[in-house]
Amino acid sequence: MVSTASLFNQLLKHFPRTEFAELVRKHGAERNAKGFSCWSQFVAMLFCQLAQTDSLREICNGLKCCLGKLVHLGVQRSPVRSTLSYANQHRPAAMFEDLFWTVLGRFRQQQLLGSRPTPFRFKNKILLLDSTTISLCLSLFPWAGFKRTKGGIKAHVLLDHDDFMPRFVLITTAKAADVRIARSIPIPSHSIVVADRAYMDFPRFAQWNRQDIYFVCRSPFYPVFTVLSQRPIPARGNMLTDEIVQFTGRYSRQYPVPMRRITLKVEGEDQPLILLTNHMSFAAATIG
């Protein structure tokens, strides 16, 4: 008989049972459990994500269809809805958070997440800061009011450019301003934060500057500034200007030091792309 492993089984091999059992003991997750293990709960919820199910009924019925194959996943029988619901409600979510960081650390150490196609020559950690709005039904989630007939939440994500995995995620209501939330996101020193113009905030730039954090932020056209000096730009390429500027507007007074302003042409766009940064040594093409 030819022995084959399903894709689901191959995926679960990246979660060693001994490592999982140690986390269960650490968090006491199976205290007073009556037959339904944390591993069975994990397999059921992972199936929920992969099968894109919408309810406990779909999860349980879907696993029932796999009877005979579940034993290869370390599950003796498919769960019932009440048991799975009770486990999701009462077992500590911190155990699965700990599992996430443990597995992510192993993947990064073994370079299983792949590498970026064009590695940079510098060693600074690049972090990408952005947010996305997730729509919700306002009648089911009245606390998530966003517009008159629309609800939503916003996920603020700090992404590691090395493997495109999150270093920090904060969930807020959709009305929360990106600039205000950015002030509570921890960023290590000597990193380079890349952000869109929604995060343009001179007090935040000043704080990053004091913490030895570099930033590259897209800029709108309206800030008032004075050009202090012009830097040379390559004869070829899409670079238009590379300037050292001092912003003179009312809101920019909290960032009193000069800043670098780089303008480049984007193919297919009428307006140029304007970038602000406090990194003075990189080439304009590198920052662009």
C-alpha atoms as a PDB file:
ATOM      1  CA  MET A   1       0.000   0.000   0.000  1.00  0.00           C
ATOM      2  CA  VAL A   2       1.313   3.454  -0.925  1.00  0.00           C
ATOM      3  CA  SER A   3       1.287   5.822   2.015  1.00  0.00           C
ATOM      4  CA  THR A   4       0.499   9.442   1.127  1.00  0.00           C
ATOM      5  CA  ALA A   5       0.094  12.524   3.306  1.00  0.00           C
ATOM      6  CA  SER A   6      -2.592  15.105   2.647  1.00  0.00           C
ATOM      7  CA  LEU A   7      -1.669  18.768   2.229  1.00  0.00           C
ATOM      8  CA  PHE A   8      -3.353  19.438   5.566  1.00  0.00           C
ATOM      9  CA  ASN A   9      -1.182  16.801   7.222  1.00  0.00           C
ATOM     10  CA  GLN A  10       1.945  18.263   5.627  1.00  0.00           C
ATOM     11  CA  LEU A  11       0.999  21.701   6.913  1.00  0.00           C
ATOM     12  CA  LEU A  12       0.516  20.396  10.461  1.00  0.00           C
ATOM     13  CA  LYS A  13       4.027  18.920  10.422  1.00  0.00           C
ATOM     14  CA  HIS A  14       5.283  22.489  10.886  1.00  0.00           C
ATOM     15  CA  PHE A  15       3.681  22.448  14.364  1.00  0.00           C
ATOM     16  CA  PRO A  16       5.585  19.741  16.322  1.00  0.00           C
ATOM     17  CA  ARG A  17       3.336  17.978  18.822  1.00  0.00           C
ATOM     18  CA  THR A  18       5.982  18.104  21.568  1.00  0.00           C
ATOM     19  CA  GLU A  19       6.350  21.855  21.148  1.00  0.00           C
ATOM     20  CA  PHE A  20       2.566  22.246  21.143  1.00  0.00           C
ATOM     21  CA  ALA A  21       2.179  20.086  24.268  1.00  0.00           C
ATOM     22  CA  GLU A  22       4.763  22.191  26.108  1.00  0.00           C
ATOM     23  CA  LEU A  23       2.759  25.348  25.368  1.00  0.00           C
ATOM     24  CA  VAL A  24      -0.419  23.639  26.588  1.00  0.00           C
ATOM     25  CA  ARG A  25       1.293  22.792  29.889  1.00  0.00           C
ATOM     26  CA  LYS A  26       2.762  26.281  30.176  1.00  0.00           C
ATOM     27  CA  HIS A  27      -0.651  27.973  29.899  1.00  0.00           C
ATOM     28  CA  GLY A  28      -2.688  25.261  31.627  1.00  0.00           C
ATOM     29  CA  ALA A  29      -4.985  25.252  28.633  1.00  0.00           C
ATOM     30  CA  GLU A  30      -6.384  21.748  29.191  1.00  0.00           C
ATOM     31  CA  ARG A  31      -7.226  22.194  32.851  1.00  0.00           C
ATOM     32  CA  ASN A  32     -10.555  20.437  33.558  1.00  0.00           C
ATOM     33  CA  ALA A  33     -10.776  19.352  29.910  1.00  0.00           C
ATOM     34  CA  LYS A  34     -12.996  16.345  29.272  1.00  0.00           C
ATOM     35  CA  GLY A  35     -11.643  14.612  26.206  1.00  0.00           C
ATOM     36  CA  PHE A  36     -11.464  17.529  23.764  1.00  0.00           C
ATOM     37  CA  SER A  37      -7.783  18.416  23.470  1.00  0.00           C
ATOM     38  CA  CYS A  38      -6.243  21.739  22.498  1.00  0.00           C
ATOM     39  CA  TRP A  39      -4.699  20.009  19.495  1.00  0.00           C
ATOM     40  CA  SER A  40      -8.165  18.992  18.237  1.00  0.00           C
ATOM     41  CA  GLN A  41      -9.315  22.579  18.758  1.00  0.00           C
ATOM     42  CA  PHE A  42      -6.295  23.883  16.838  1.00  0.00           C
ATOM     43  CA  VAL A  43      -6.901  21.480  13.927  1.00  0.00           C
ATOM     44  CA  ALA A  44     -10.581  22.483  13.812  1.00  0.00           C
ATOM     45  CA  MET A  45      -9.821  26.226  13.741  1.00  0.00           C
ATOM     46  CA  LEU A  46      -7.042  25.786  11.196  1.00  0.00           C
ATOM     47  CA  PHE A  47      -9.531  23.877   9.034  1.00  0.00           C
ATOM     48  CA  CYS A  48     -11.880  26.830   9.513  1.00  0.00           C
ATOM     49  CA  GLN A  49      -9.316  29.191   7.980  1.00  0.00           C
ATOM     50  CA  LEU A  50      -8.240  26.938   5.111  1.00  0.00           C
ATOM     51  CA  ALA A  51     -11.810  25.984   4.141  1.00  0.00           C
ATOM     52  CA  GLN A  52     -13.039  29.581   4.647  1.00  0.00           C
ATOM     53  CA  THR A  53     -16.006  28.406   6.703  1.00  0.00           C
ATOM     54  CA  ASP A  54     -18.492  30.857   8.182  1.00  0.00           C
ATOM     55  CA  SER A  55     -19.917  28.958  11.149  1.00  0.00           C
ATOM     56  CA  LEU A  56     -19.263  26.227  13.724  1.00  0.00           C
ATOM     57  CA  ARG A  57     -21.715  24.039  11.840  1.00  0.00           C
ATOM     58  CA  GLU A  58     -19.591  24.198   8.688  1.00  0.00           C
ATOM     59  CA  ILE A  59     -16.440  23.370  10.652  1.00  0.00           C
ATOM     60  CA  CYS A  60     -17.928  20.337  12.376  1.00  0.00           C
ATOM     61  CA  ASN A  61     -19.718  19.034   9.280  1.00  0.00           C
ATOM     62  CA  GLY A  62     -16.602  19.528   7.170  1.00  0.00           C
ATOM     63  CA  LEU A  63     -14.475  17.543   9.608  1.00  0.00           C
ATOM     64  CA  LYS A  64     -17.129  14.817   9.765  1.00  0.00           C
ATOM     65  CA  CYS A  65     -16.656  14.279   6.046  1.00  0.00           C
ATOM     66  CA  CYS A  66     -12.990  13.491   6.753  1.00  0.00           C
ATOM     67  CA  LEU A  67     -13.676  10.608   9.128  1.00  0.00           C
ATOM     68  CA  GLY A  68     -11.004   7.977   8.655  1.00  0.00           C
ATOM     69  CA  LYS A  69      -8.481  10.657   7.728  1.00  0.00           C
ATOM     70  CA  LEU A  70      -8.652  12.655  10.943  1.00  0.00           C
ATOM     71  CA  VAL A  71      -6.533  10.091  12.775  1.00  0.00           C
ATOM     72  CA  HIS A  72      -3.615  11.095  10.533  1.00  0.00           C
ATOM     73  CA  LEU A  73      -4.055  14.660  11.833  1.00  0.00           C
ATOM     74  CA  GLY A  74      -3.932  13.532  15.457  1.00  0.00           C
ATOM     75  CA  VAL A  75      -7.702  13.874  15.945  1.00  0.00           C
ATOM     76  CA  GLN A  76      -9.764  10.900  17.047  1.00  0.00           C
ATOM     77  CA  ARG A  77     -13.204  12.259  16.115  1.00  0.00           C
ATOM     78  CA  SER A  78     -14.757  15.442  14.788  1.00  0.00           C
ATOM     79  CA  PRO A  79     -15.949  17.897  17.452  1.00  0.00           C
ATOM     80  CA  VAL A  80     -19.538  18.880  18.106  1.00  0.00           C
ATOM     81  CA  ARG A  81     -20.544  22.518  17.939  1.00  0.00           C
ATOM     82  CA  SER A  82     -21.165  23.024  21.647  1.00  0.00           C
ATOM     83  CA  THR A  83     -17.784  21.538  22.606  1.00  0.00           C
ATOM     84  CA  LEU A  84     -15.872  23.637  20.075  1.00  0.00           C
ATOM     85  CA  SER A  85     -17.782  26.763  21.064  1.00  0.00           C
ATOM     86  CA  TYR A  86     -17.047  26.231  24.769  1.00  0.00           C
ATOM     87  CA  ALA A  87     -13.344  25.655  24.065  1.00  0.00           C
ATOM     88  CA  ASN A  88     -13.078  28.824  21.963  1.00  0.00           C
ATOM     89  CA  GLN A  89     -14.752  30.828  24.699  1.00  0.00           C
ATOM     90  CA  HIS A  90     -12.917  29.531  27.765  1.00  0.00           C
ATOM     91  CA  ARG A  91      -9.447  28.379  26.721  1.00  0.00           C
ATOM     92  CA  PRO A  92      -6.654  30.978  26.881  1.00  0.00           C
ATOM     93  CA  ALA A  93      -5.990  32.724  23.591  1.00  0.00           C
ATOM     94  CA  ALA A  94      -2.498  33.529  24.897  1.00  0.00           C
ATOM     95  CA  MET A  95      -1.465  29.949  24.195  1.00  0.00           C
ATOM     96  CA  PHE A  96      -2.180  30.307  20.483  1.00  0.00           C
ATOM     97  CA  GLU A  97      -0.489  33.710  20.439  1.00  0.00           C
ATOM     98  CA  ASP A  98       2.565  32.057  21.992  1.00  0.00           C
ATOM     99  CA  LEU A  99       2.330  29.322  19.343  1.00  0.00           C
ATOM    100  CA  PHE A 100       2.308  31.933  16.575  1.00  0.00           C
ATOM    101  CA  TRP A 101       5.466  33.663  17.784  1.00  0.00           C
ATOM    102  CA  THR A 102       7.216  30.331  18.409  1.00  0.00           C
ATOM    103  CA  VAL A 103       6.506  29.056  14.900  1.00  0.00           C
ATOM    104  CA  LEU A 104       7.320  32.430  13.314  1.00  0.00           C
ATOM    105  CA  GLY A 105      10.660  32.524  15.122  1.00  0.00           C
ATOM    106  CA  ARG A 106      11.539  29.034  13.875  1.00  0.00           C
ATOM    107  CA  PHE A 107      10.538  29.895  10.298  1.00  0.00           C
ATOM    108  CA  ARG A 108      12.654  33.049  10.374  1.00  0.00           C
ATOM    109  CA  GLN A 109      15.627  31.222  11.865  1.00  0.00           C
ATOM    110  CA  GLN A 110      15.446  28.479   9.232  1.00  0.00           C
ATOM    111  CA  GLN A 111      14.654  31.000   6.448  1.00  0.00           C
ATOM    112  CA  LEU A 112      11.510  29.105   5.472  1.00  0.00           C
ATOM    113  CA  LEU A 113       9.649  32.310   4.632  1.00  0.00           C
ATOM    114  CA  GLY A 114      11.950  33.109   1.727  1.00  0.00           C
ATOM    115  CA  SER A 115      13.892  36.286   1.152  1.00  0.00           C
ATOM    116  CA  ARG A 116      13.157  39.484  -0.715  1.00  0.00           C
ATOM    117  CA  PRO A 117      14.046  39.286  -4.423  1.00  0.00           C
ATOM    118  CA  THR A 118      16.373  42.318  -4.403  1.00  0.00           C
ATOM    119  CA  PRO A 119      18.179  42.528  -1.029  1.00  0.00           C
ATOM    120  CA  PHE A 120      19.444  45.917   0.080  1.00  0.00           C
ATOM    121  CA  ARG A 121      23.096  46.480   0.875  1.00  0.00           C
ATOM    122  CA  PHE A 122      22.472  48.165   4.219  1.00  0.00           C
ATOM    123  CA  LYS A 123      21.670  46.332   7.445  1.00  0.00           C
ATOM    124  CA  ASN A 124      18.909  48.567   8.804  1.00  0.00           C
ATOM    125  CA  LYS A 125      15.623  46.831   9.471  1.00  0.00           C
ATOM    126  CA  ILE A 126      12.902  48.085   7.101  1.00  0.00           C
ATOM    127  CA  LEU A 127       9.407  48.270   8.583  1.00  0.00           C
ATOM    128  CA  LEU A 128       6.300  49.090   6.563  1.00  0.00           C
ATOM    129  CA  LEU A 129       3.536  50.982   8.382  1.00  0.00           C
ATOM    130  CA  ASP A 130      -0.002  51.087   7.021  1.00  0.00           C
ATOM    131  CA  SER A 131      -3.624  50.388   7.906  1.00  0.00           C
ATOM    132  CA  THR A 132      -6.594  48.720   6.246  1.00  0.00           C
ATOM    133  CA  THR A 133     -10.315  49.088   6.911  1.00  0.00           C
ATOM    134  CA  ILE A 134     -12.455  45.964   7.298  1.00  0.00           C
ATOM    135  CA  SER A 135     -16.183  46.477   6.693  1.00  0.00           C
ATOM    136  CA  LEU A 136     -18.681  45.119   9.235  1.00  0.00           C
ATOM    137  CA  CYS A 137     -22.450  44.867   9.323  1.00  0.00           C
ATOM    138  CA  LEU A 138     -23.603  47.814  11.415  1.00  0.00           C
ATOM    139  CA  SER A 139     -26.719  46.024  12.704  1.00  0.00           C
ATOM    140  CA  LEU A 140     -24.599  43.168  14.094  1.00  0.00           C
ATOM    141  CA  PHE A 141     -21.731  45.362  15.331  1.00  0.00           C
ATOM    142  CA  PRO A 142     -23.312  48.661  16.465  1.00  0.00           C
ATOM    143  CA  TRP A 143     -20.160  49.597  18.409  1.00  0.00           C
ATOM    144  CA  ALA A 144     -18.204  49.713  15.120  1.00  0.00           C
ATOM    145  CA  GLY A 145     -20.029  52.714  13.684  1.00  0.00           C
ATOM    146  CA  PHE A 146     -18.106  54.190  10.774  1.00  0.00           C
ATOM    147  CA  LYS A 147     -20.635  55.846   8.499  1.00  0.00           C
ATOM    148  CA  ARG A 148     -24.394  56.261   8.689  1.00  0.00           C
ATOM    149  CA  THR A 149     -25.144  52.823   7.235  1.00  0.00           C
ATOM    150  CA  LYS A 150     -21.741  51.198   7.455  1.00  0.00           C
ATOM    151  CA  GLY A 151     -19.640  49.720  10.235  1.00  0.00           C
ATOM    152  CA  GLY A 152     -15.998  48.797  10.275  1.00  0.00           C
ATOM    153  CA  ILE A 153     -12.753  48.246  12.118  1.00  0.00           C
ATOM    154  CA  LYS A 154      -9.236  49.242  11.163  1.00  0.00           C
ATOM    155  CA  ALA A 155      -6.134  47.064  11.375  1.00  0.00           C
ATOM    156  CA  HIS A 156      -2.933  49.072  11.904  1.00  0.00           C
ATOM    157  CA  VAL A 157      -0.022  46.874  10.844  1.00  0.00           C
ATOM    158  CA  LEU A 158       3.754  47.221  11.179  1.00  0.00           C
ATOM    159  CA  LEU A 159       5.156  44.802   8.602  1.00  0.00           C
ATOM    160  CA  ASP A 160       8.680  43.379   8.516  1.00  0.00           C
ATOM    161  CA  HIS A 161      10.052  43.876   5.011  1.00  0.00           C
ATOM    162  CA  ASP A 162      12.409  40.896   5.308  1.00  0.00           C
ATOM    163  CA  ASP A 163       9.647  38.283   5.291  1.00  0.00           C
ATOM    164  CA  PHE A 164       6.450  40.375   5.063  1.00  0.00           C
ATOM    165  CA  MET A 165       5.198  39.104   8.413  1.00  0.00           C
ATOM    166  CA  PRO A 166       3.683  41.446  11.017  1.00  0.00           C
ATOM    167  CA  ARG A 167       5.735  42.722  13.947  1.00  0.00           C
ATOM    168  CA  PHE A 168       2.805  44.601  15.462  1.00  0.00           C
ATOM    169  CA  VAL A 169      -0.951  44.695  14.797  1.00  0.00           C
ATOM    170  CA  LEU A 170      -3.478  46.954  16.524  1.00  0.00           C
ATOM    171  CA  ILE A 171      -7.237  46.690  15.912  1.00  0.00           C
ATOM    172  CA  THR A 172      -9.307  49.866  16.397  1.00  0.00           C
ATOM    173  CA  THR A 173     -12.613  51.266  15.207  1.00  0.00           C
ATOM    174  CA  ALA A 174     -12.562  52.506  11.627  1.00  0.00           C
ATOM    175  CA  LYS A 175     -12.813  56.128  12.776  1.00  0.00           C
ATOM    176  CA  ALA A 176      -9.408  56.036  14.501  1.00  0.00           C
ATOM    177  CA  ALA A 177      -6.893  58.331  12.793  1.00  0.00           C
ATOM    178  CA  ASP A 178      -3.736  56.670  11.487  1.00  0.00           C
ATOM    179  CA  VAL A 179      -1.543  59.509  12.771  1.00  0.00           C
ATOM    180  CA  ARG A 180      -2.832  59.207  16.340  1.00  0.00           C
ATOM    181  CA  ILE A 181      -2.501  55.404  16.439  1.00  0.00           C
ATOM    182  CA  ALA A 182       1.067  55.555  15.057  1.00  0.00           C
ATOM    183  CA  ARG A 183       2.172  57.243  18.298  1.00  0.00           C
ATOM    184  CA  SER A 184       1.462  54.038  20.251  1.00  0.00           C
ATOM    185  CA  ILE A 185       3.251  51.614  17.886  1.00  0.00           C
ATOM    186  CA  PRO A 186       6.662  50.506  19.248  1.00  0.00           C
ATOM    187  CA  ILE A 187       9.526  50.763  16.755  1.00  0.00           C
ATOM    188  CA  PRO A 188      13.133  49.670  17.468  1.00  0.00           C
ATOM    189  CA  SER A 189      15.987  52.129  17.089  1.00  0.00           C
ATOM    190  CA  HIS A 190      17.966  52.346  13.841  1.00  0.00           C
ATOM    191  CA  SER A 191      15.020  50.938  11.867  1.00  0.00           C
ATOM    192  CA  ILE A 192      13.685  52.558   8.711  1.00  0.00           C
ATOM    193  CA  VAL A 193       9.918  53.140   8.772  1.00  0.00           C
ATOM    194  CA  VAL A 194       8.231  53.450   5.377  1.00  0.00           C
ATOM    195  CA  ALA A 195       4.771  55.030   5.528  1.00  0.00           C
ATOM    196  CA  ASP A 196       2.156  56.689   3.355  1.00  0.00           C
ATOM    197  CA  ARG A 197       1.160  60.347   3.670  1.00  0.00           C
ATOM    198  CA  ALA A 198      -1.615  59.477   6.163  1.00  0.00           C
ATOM    199  CA  TYR A 199       1.205  59.145   8.727  1.00  0.00           C
ATOM    200  CA  MET A 200       2.765  62.537   8.060  1.00  0.00           C
ATOM    201  CA  ASP A 201       3.013  64.011  11.542  1.00  0.00           C
ATOM    202  CA  PHE A 202       5.812  66.418  12.483  1.00  0.00           C
ATOM    203  CA  PRO A 203       5.650  65.734  16.259  1.00  0.00           C
ATOM    204  CA  ARG A 204       5.912  62.007  15.510  1.00  0.00           C
ATOM    205  CA  PHE A 205       8.832  62.649  13.127  1.00  0.00           C
ATOM    206  CA  ALA A 206      10.598  64.572  15.895  1.00  0.00           C
ATOM    207  CA  GLN A 207      10.061  61.708  18.328  1.00  0.00           C
ATOM    208  CA  TRP A 208      11.442  59.182  15.828  1.00  0.00           C
ATOM    209  CA  ASN A 209      14.423  61.436  15.227  1.00  0.00           C
ATOM    210  CA  ARG A 210      15.209  61.559  18.961  1.00  0.00           C
ATOM    211  CA  GLN A 211      14.952  57.745  19.138  1.00  0.00           C
ATOM    212  CA  ASP A 212      17.409  57.247  16.217  1.00  0.00           C
ATOM    213  CA  ILE A 213      14.613  55.915  13.996  1.00  0.00           C
ATOM    214  CA  TYR A 214      14.763  56.717  10.297  1.00  0.00           C
ATOM    215  CA  PHE A 215      11.613  57.350   8.284  1.00  0.00           C
ATOM    216  CA  VAL A 216      10.635  57.623   4.627  1.00  0.00           C
ATOM    217  CA  CYS A 217       7.167  59.094   4.314  1.00  0.00           C
ATOM    218  CA  ARG A 218       5.156  60.092   1.281  1.00  0.00           C
ATOM    219  CA  SER A 219       4.303  63.781   1.392  1.00  0.00           C
ATOM    220  CA  PRO A 220       1.338  65.785   0.091  1.00  0.00           C
ATOM    221  CA  PHE A 221       1.976  68.961  -1.866  1.00  0.00           C
ATOM    222  CA  TYR A 222       0.761  71.560   0.613  1.00  0.00           C
ATOM    223  CA  PRO A 223       3.489  71.801   3.357  1.00  0.00           C
ATOM    224  CA  VAL A 224       5.351  75.131   3.194  1.00  0.00           C
ATOM    225  CA  PHE A 225       9.134  74.853   3.190  1.00  0.00           C
ATOM    226  CA  THR A 226      12.348  76.674   2.370  1.00  0.00           C
ATOM    227  CA  VAL A 227      15.058  74.990   0.284  1.00  0.00           C
ATOM    228  CA  LEU A 228      18.390  75.109   2.138  1.00  0.00           C
ATOM    229  CA  SER A 229      20.505  73.240  -0.412  1.00  0.00           C
ATOM    230  CA  GLN A 230      20.305  71.110  -3.541  1.00  0.00           C
ATOM    231  CA  ARG A 231      21.973  67.714  -3.788  1.00  0.00           C
ATOM    232  CA  PRO A 232      23.157  66.218  -7.092  1.00  0.00           C
ATOM    233  CA  ILE A 233      20.882  63.667  -8.763  1.00  0.00           C
ATOM    234  CA  PRO A 234      21.721  60.953 -11.324  1.00  0.00           C
ATOM    235  CA  ALA A 235      21.630  62.019 -14.951  1.00  0.00           C
ATOM    236  CA  ARG A 236      19.592  58.938 -15.774  1.00  0.00           C
ATOM    237  CA  GLY A 237      16.611  57.598 -13.946  1.00  0.00           C
ATOM    238  CA  ASN A 238      13.409  59.059 -12.580  1.00  0.00           C
ATOM    239  CA  MET A 239      14.869  61.380  -9.909  1.00  0.00           C
ATOM    240  CA  LEU A 240      13.737  65.001 -10.284  1.00  0.00           C
ATOM    241  CA  THR A 241      15.069  66.734  -7.146  1.00  0.00           C
ATOM    242  CA  ASP A 242      16.986  65.925  -3.973  1.00  0.00           C
ATOM    243  CA  GLU A 243      16.764  68.856  -1.554  1.00  0.00           C
ATOM    244  CA  ILE A 244      17.537  69.694   2.057  1.00  0.00           C
ATOM    245  CA  VAL A 245      14.584  71.740   3.253  1.00  0.00           C
ATOM    246  CA  GLN A 246      13.274  73.444   6.366  1.00  0.00           C
ATOM    247  CA  PHE A 247       9.517  73.361   6.849  1.00  0.00           C
ATOM    248  CA  THR A 248       8.076  76.691   7.942  1.00  0.00           C
ATOM    249  CA  GLY A 249       4.368  75.990   8.396  1.00  0.00           C
ATOM    250  CA  ARG A 250       2.480  76.261  11.674  1.00  0.00           C
ATOM    251  CA  TYR A 251       2.317  72.489  12.273  1.00  0.00           C
ATOM    252  CA  SER A 252       5.947  71.881  11.327  1.00  0.00           C
ATOM    253  CA  ARG A 253       7.419  73.975  14.148  1.00  0.00           C
ATOM    254  CA  GLN A 254       7.688  70.847  16.305  1.00  0.00           C
ATOM    255  CA  TYR A 255      10.282  69.480  13.853  1.00  0.00           C
ATOM    256  CA  PRO A 256      12.895  72.263  13.893  1.00  0.00           C
ATOM    257  CA  VAL A 257      15.734  70.419  12.130  1.00  0.00           C
ATOM    258  CA  PRO A 258      16.201  70.210   8.350  1.00  0.00           C
ATOM    259  CA  MET A 259      14.692  67.332   6.426  1.00  0.00           C
ATOM    260  CA  ARG A 260      15.429  65.723   3.108  1.00  0.00           C
ATOM    261  CA  ARG A 261      12.824  66.081   0.335  1.00  0.00           C
ATOM    262  CA  ILE A 262      13.115  63.809  -2.700  1.00  0.00           C
ATOM    263  CA  THR A 263      10.913  64.110  -5.784  1.00  0.00           C
ATOM    264  CA  LEU A 264      10.730  61.405  -8.419  1.00  0.00           C
ATOM    265  CA  LYS A 265       8.709  60.712 -11.518  1.00  0.00           C
ATOM    266  CA  VAL A 266       6.402  57.689 -11.471  1.00  0.00           C
ATOM    267  CA  GLU A 267       5.674  56.092 -14.815  1.00  0.00           C
ATOM    268  CA  GLY A 268       2.043  56.479 -15.817  1.00  0.00           C
ATOM    269  CA  GLU A 269       1.311  59.147 -13.173  1.00  0.00           C
ATOM    270  CA  ASP A 270       0.789  62.858 -13.843  1.00  0.00           C
ATOM    271  CA  GLN A 271       1.946  64.011 -10.420  1.00  0.00           C
ATOM    272  CA  PRO A 272       5.455  63.286  -9.090  1.00  0.00           C
ATOM    273  CA  LEU A 273       6.024  61.257  -5.922  1.00  0.00           C
ATOM    274  CA  ILE A 274       7.360  63.341  -3.007  1.00  0.00           C
ATOM    275  CA  LEU A 275       9.223  61.610  -0.185  1.00  0.00           C
ATOM    276  CA  LEU A 276      10.365  63.050   3.131  1.00  0.00           C
ATOM    277  CA  THR A 277      13.153  61.437   5.140  1.00  0.00           C
ATOM    278  CA  ASN A 278      15.618  62.169   7.920  1.00  0.00           C
ATOM    279  CA  HIS A 279      18.225  59.848   6.387  1.00  0.00           C
ATOM    280  CA  MET A 280      20.923  62.046   4.903  1.00  0.00           C
ATOM    281  CA  SER A 281      23.494  59.482   3.728  1.00  0.00           C
ATOM    282  CA  PHE A 282      21.612  57.076   1.432  1.00  0.00           C
ATOM    283  CA  ALA A 283      21.529  57.793  -2.280  1.00  0.00           C
ATOM    284  CA  ALA A 284      18.319  59.320  -3.575  1.00  0.00           C
ATOM    285  CA  ALA A 285      17.754  56.285  -5.805  1.00  0.00           C
ATOM    286  CA  THR A 286      17.989  53.962  -2.785  1.00  0.00           C
ATOM    287  CA  ILE A 287      15.377  55.930  -0.871  1.00  0.00           C
ATOM    288  CA  GLY A 288      13.184  56.237  -3.961  1.00  0.00           C
END
